[in-house]
């Protein structure tokens, strides 16, 4: 755990860092296909994730025009339905909105509530603007502002996404802390001068030995304590 000083605004990644995306998608697949076994659900989840990751990569490389995560989720839902033999349009349509119903990690809501008493909090997500709105409400995430990459039609780690948060913060980048469970996300923030804090999650992207982030934490309560000097009970 590392102490971090001279921070004015805290920016959080959302998907994976504050909500458990795989668990939420897995639950939506089970709901759509209640007769499927665990192995089949895992295979369909992998298909969904591979599609979205590949298409975001293609967009970042300029091989596809920008579309939001809601479009990618709808494509992924149709792929899952095709693989599983699901044909009910209403069920497929609900499956396509699974990204709006992702559960928070056990410590996310309480930690944000505590930290919001001390700092302006900004959510910065690759999630589409409508999905992000609904997701924040579903998970009970408290923000002073939530920003979607939709606004610049790019996906993190593109620098223009982080500059959205810097523009909103209105202070030097070295006084803005980016918090994420993904090392690739924090590297992108570092590239525009932001401070960085890694929070370990089971589904995150761990740092390498070459990464030099300002803080490394096993849970959000440690981050809150480091920033405020106050202990927060773990959930």
Protein backbone atom coordinates (compact mmCIF):
# COMPACT_ATOMS: atom_id res chain seq x y z
CA UNK A 1 0.00 0.00 0.00
CA UNK A 2 1.33 3.41 -0.99
CA UNK A 3 0.51 6.90 0.27
CA UNK A 4 -0.61 9.30 -2.46
CA UNK A 5 -0.53 13.05 -1.84
CA UNK A 6 -1.56 16.30 -3.56
CA UNK A 7 -4.56 14.83 -5.38
CA UNK A 8 -7.54 17.08 -6.19
CA UNK A 9 -9.77 14.78 -8.27
CA UNK A 10 -10.09 10.98 -8.35
CA UNK A 11 -11.07 9.22 -11.60
CA UNK A 12 -12.24 5.61 -11.62
CA UNK A 13 -12.44 3.04 -14.34
CA UNK A 14 -15.77 1.23 -14.04
CA UNK A 15 -15.83 -2.09 -15.92
CA UNK A 16 -13.83 -4.63 -13.97
CA UNK A 17 -12.65 -2.10 -11.40
CA UNK A 18 -15.97 -1.26 -9.72
CA UNK A 19 -18.30 -3.84 -11.26
CA UNK A 20 -17.80 -7.54 -11.89
CA UNK A 21 -18.41 -7.65 -15.63
CA UNK A 22 -17.92 -11.41 -16.17
CA UNK A 23 -20.30 -12.30 -13.34
CA UNK A 24 -22.97 -9.99 -14.71
CA UNK A 25 -22.64 -11.29 -18.26
CA UNK A 26 -22.66 -14.87 -17.02
CA UNK A 27 -25.87 -14.22 -15.08
CA UNK A 28 -27.52 -12.71 -18.18
CA UNK A 29 -26.54 -15.72 -20.29
CA UNK A 30 -27.95 -18.08 -17.65
CA UNK A 31 -31.18 -16.08 -17.59
CA UNK A 32 -31.48 -16.32 -21.39
CA UNK A 33 -30.52 -20.01 -21.47
CA UNK A 34 -31.63 -21.53 -18.15
CA UNK A 35 -31.11 -25.11 -19.33
CA UNK A 36 -27.42 -24.55 -20.13
CA UNK A 37 -24.77 -26.10 -17.89
CA UNK A 38 -21.86 -24.20 -16.37
CA UNK A 39 -19.40 -25.28 -19.05
CA UNK A 40 -21.72 -24.13 -21.82
CA UNK A 41 -22.28 -20.78 -20.09
CA UNK A 42 -18.53 -20.32 -19.71
CA UNK A 43 -18.01 -21.02 -23.42
CA UNK A 44 -20.71 -18.51 -24.37
CA UNK A 45 -19.22 -15.91 -22.03
CA UNK A 46 -15.83 -16.40 -23.67
CA UNK A 47 -17.45 -15.95 -27.10
CA UNK A 48 -19.05 -12.68 -25.94
CA UNK A 49 -15.85 -11.32 -24.43
CA UNK A 50 -13.71 -12.31 -27.42
CA UNK A 51 -16.07 -10.54 -29.81
CA UNK A 52 -16.10 -7.30 -27.84
CA UNK A 53 -12.35 -7.28 -27.23
CA UNK A 54 -11.56 -8.01 -30.87
CA UNK A 55 -13.93 -5.36 -32.19
CA UNK A 56 -12.61 -2.72 -29.79
CA UNK A 57 -9.10 -3.60 -30.94
CA UNK A 58 -10.15 -3.18 -34.58
CA UNK A 59 -11.71 0.19 -33.79
CA UNK A 60 -8.55 1.37 -32.02
CA UNK A 61 -6.49 0.29 -35.02
CA UNK A 62 -8.74 2.14 -37.45
CA UNK A 63 -10.00 -1.07 -39.05
CA UNK A 64 -13.60 -0.32 -38.10
CA UNK A 65 -15.54 2.89 -37.57
CA UNK A 66 -16.38 3.65 -33.95
CA UNK A 67 -19.50 2.06 -32.48
CA UNK A 68 -20.49 2.09 -28.82
CA UNK A 69 -20.30 -0.84 -26.44
CA UNK A 70 -24.07 -1.16 -26.75
CA UNK A 71 -23.68 -2.00 -30.43
CA UNK A 72 -20.89 -4.44 -29.65
CA UNK A 73 -22.96 -6.06 -26.89
CA UNK A 74 -25.90 -6.47 -29.30
CA UNK A 75 -23.57 -8.14 -31.80
CA UNK A 76 -22.18 -10.38 -29.06
CA UNK A 77 -25.68 -11.31 -27.91
CA UNK A 78 -26.60 -12.36 -31.45
CA UNK A 79 -23.45 -14.48 -31.64
CA UNK A 80 -24.27 -16.15 -28.34
CA UNK A 81 -27.83 -16.74 -29.49
CA UNK A 82 -26.63 -18.23 -32.77
CA UNK A 83 -24.20 -20.56 -31.02
CA UNK A 84 -26.84 -21.66 -28.49
CA UNK A 85 -29.75 -21.96 -30.91
CA UNK A 86 -31.71 -19.19 -29.20
CA UNK A 87 -34.29 -17.55 -31.49
CA UNK A 88 -36.68 -15.61 -29.23
CA UNK A 89 -36.24 -11.91 -30.24
CA UNK A 90 -37.33 -10.59 -26.84
CA UNK A 91 -34.88 -12.80 -24.98
CA UNK A 92 -32.05 -11.82 -27.34
CA UNK A 93 -32.92 -8.13 -26.96
CA UNK A 94 -32.74 -8.39 -23.17
CA UNK A 95 -29.49 -10.31 -23.38
CA UNK A 96 -28.05 -7.47 -25.48
CA UNK A 97 -28.55 -5.08 -22.56
CA UNK A 98 -26.63 -7.25 -20.06
CA UNK A 99 -23.97 -4.54 -19.78
CA UNK A 100 -26.49 -2.34 -17.98
CA UNK A 101 -26.94 -4.83 -15.14
CA UNK A 102 -23.46 -5.64 -13.86
CA UNK A 103 -23.06 -6.16 -10.10
CA UNK A 104 -20.65 -4.04 -8.05
CA UNK A 105 -17.77 -5.60 -6.20
CA UNK A 106 -18.58 -5.88 -2.48
CA UNK A 107 -16.41 -2.88 -1.52
CA UNK A 108 -17.27 -0.54 -4.41
CA UNK A 109 -20.35 1.31 -3.18
CA UNK A 110 -19.16 1.97 0.38
CA UNK A 111 -15.70 3.07 -0.77
CA UNK A 112 -17.09 5.53 -3.30
CA UNK A 113 -19.48 6.93 -0.70
CA UNK A 114 -16.62 7.48 1.71
CA UNK A 115 -14.25 8.96 -0.85
CA UNK A 116 -16.92 11.28 -2.26
CA UNK A 117 -16.88 13.20 1.04
CA UNK A 118 -13.29 14.20 0.38
CA UNK A 119 -12.78 14.41 -3.38
CA UNK A 120 -14.71 15.08 -6.58
CA UNK A 121 -15.18 11.64 -8.15
CA UNK A 122 -15.32 11.00 -11.89
CA UNK A 123 -16.25 7.73 -13.57
CA UNK A 124 -14.42 7.25 -16.87
CA UNK A 125 -15.60 4.26 -18.86
CA UNK A 126 -15.50 2.66 -22.27
CA UNK A 127 -19.16 1.80 -21.67
CA UNK A 128 -21.59 3.63 -23.95
CA UNK A 129 -23.33 6.64 -22.40
CA UNK A 130 -26.74 4.99 -22.02
CA UNK A 131 -25.24 1.75 -20.74
CA UNK A 132 -23.12 3.72 -18.26
CA UNK A 133 -26.13 5.65 -16.98
CA UNK A 134 -28.15 2.49 -16.41
CA UNK A 135 -25.16 0.60 -15.01
CA UNK A 136 -24.39 3.31 -12.46
CA UNK A 137 -28.00 3.25 -11.28
CA UNK A 138 -28.16 -0.56 -11.14
CA UNK A 139 -24.89 -0.92 -9.23
CA UNK A 140 -25.51 2.07 -6.95
CA UNK A 141 -22.26 3.83 -7.91
CA UNK A 142 -21.95 7.41 -6.65
CA UNK A 143 -20.28 9.94 -8.91
CA UNK A 144 -20.00 13.68 -9.18
CA UNK A 145 -19.65 13.11 -12.92
CA UNK A 146 -19.66 10.01 -15.15
CA UNK A 147 -17.95 10.22 -18.54
CA UNK A 148 -18.31 7.81 -21.43
CA UNK A 149 -15.76 7.25 -24.17
CA UNK A 150 -18.72 7.77 -26.50
CA UNK A 151 -18.09 11.50 -26.14
CA UNK A 152 -14.88 11.26 -28.17
CA UNK A 153 -15.78 8.12 -30.15
CA UNK A 154 -12.68 6.27 -29.03
CA UNK A 155 -11.80 3.54 -26.56
CA UNK A 156 -9.27 3.64 -23.76
CA UNK A 157 -6.31 3.64 -23.81
CA UNK A 158 -6.67 6.34 -26.50
CA UNK A 159 -5.38 9.59 -24.94
CA UNK A 160 -8.48 11.59 -25.90
CA UNK A 161 -10.56 9.51 -23.49
CA UNK A 162 -8.37 10.42 -20.50
CA UNK A 163 -8.40 14.05 -21.59
CA UNK A 164 -12.17 14.00 -21.08
CA UNK A 165 -11.51 13.49 -17.38
CA UNK A 166 -8.73 16.08 -17.30
CA UNK A 167 -10.98 18.65 -18.95
CA UNK A 168 -13.68 17.95 -16.37
CA UNK A 169 -11.19 18.07 -13.47
CA UNK A 170 -9.93 21.53 -14.37
CA UNK A 171 -6.58 21.06 -12.65
CA UNK A 172 -3.09 19.89 -13.69
CA UNK A 173 -2.92 16.19 -14.65
CA UNK A 174 -0.47 15.48 -11.86
CA UNK A 175 -3.25 16.32 -9.39
CA UNK A 176 -5.69 13.86 -10.97
CA UNK A 177 -5.56 10.23 -9.86
CA UNK A 178 -6.71 7.44 -12.20
CA UNK A 179 -7.80 4.27 -10.38
CA UNK A 180 -8.15 0.99 -12.27
CA UNK A 181 -7.76 -2.76 -12.00
CA UNK A 182 -6.17 -2.84 -15.46
CA UNK A 183 -2.51 -2.02 -15.93
CA UNK A 184 -3.10 -1.15 -19.59
CA UNK A 185 -5.64 1.48 -18.48
CA UNK A 186 -3.22 3.03 -16.01
CA UNK A 187 -0.46 3.14 -18.61
CA UNK A 188 -2.81 5.10 -20.84
CA UNK A 189 -3.48 7.55 -18.00
CA UNK A 190 0.22 7.91 -17.29
CA UNK A 191 0.80 8.84 -20.93
CA UNK A 192 -1.25 12.03 -20.45
CA UNK A 193 0.39 12.88 -17.12
CA UNK A 194 -2.18 11.53 -14.67
CA UNK A 195 -1.25 9.91 -11.36
CA UNK A 196 -2.17 6.25 -11.10
CA UNK A 197 -3.38 3.70 -8.56
CA UNK A 198 -3.78 -0.01 -9.24
CA UNK A 199 -6.49 -1.92 -7.32
CA UNK A 200 -6.34 -5.69 -7.54
CA UNK A 201 -9.43 -7.48 -8.86
CA UNK A 202 -9.79 -11.14 -9.89
CA UNK A 203 -10.68 -10.10 -13.46
CA UNK A 204 -8.18 -7.27 -13.84
CA UNK A 205 -4.93 -6.91 -15.77
CA UNK A 206 -2.10 -7.11 -13.20
CA UNK A 207 0.91 -4.80 -13.50
CA UNK A 208 4.22 -6.04 -14.77
CA UNK A 209 7.54 -5.55 -13.00
CA UNK A 210 8.19 -2.61 -15.34
CA UNK A 211 5.11 -0.66 -14.20
CA UNK A 212 5.67 2.24 -11.82
CA UNK A 213 2.25 3.29 -10.56
CA UNK A 214 1.82 5.71 -7.67
CA UNK A 215 -0.19 3.25 -5.61
CA UNK A 216 -0.81 -0.51 -5.51
CA UNK A 217 -3.73 -1.72 -3.40
CA UNK A 218 -5.34 -5.07 -2.60
CA UNK A 219 -8.75 -3.49 -1.99
CA UNK A 220 -10.52 -0.16 -2.32
CA UNK A 221 -10.59 0.41 1.44
CA UNK A 222 -6.80 0.66 1.37
CA UNK A 223 -6.98 3.28 -1.36
CA UNK A 224 -9.52 5.32 0.61
CA UNK A 225 -7.37 5.13 3.74
CA UNK A 226 -4.31 6.21 1.79
CA UNK A 227 -6.07 9.23 0.27
CA UNK A 228 -7.98 10.38 3.37
CA UNK A 229 -5.89 9.07 6.25
CA UNK A 230 -8.98 7.34 7.61
CA UNK A 231 -9.68 3.66 8.03
CA UNK A 232 -12.57 2.17 6.08
CA UNK A 233 -14.14 -1.12 7.10
CA UNK A 234 -13.80 -3.81 4.45
CA UNK A 235 -17.01 -5.46 3.30
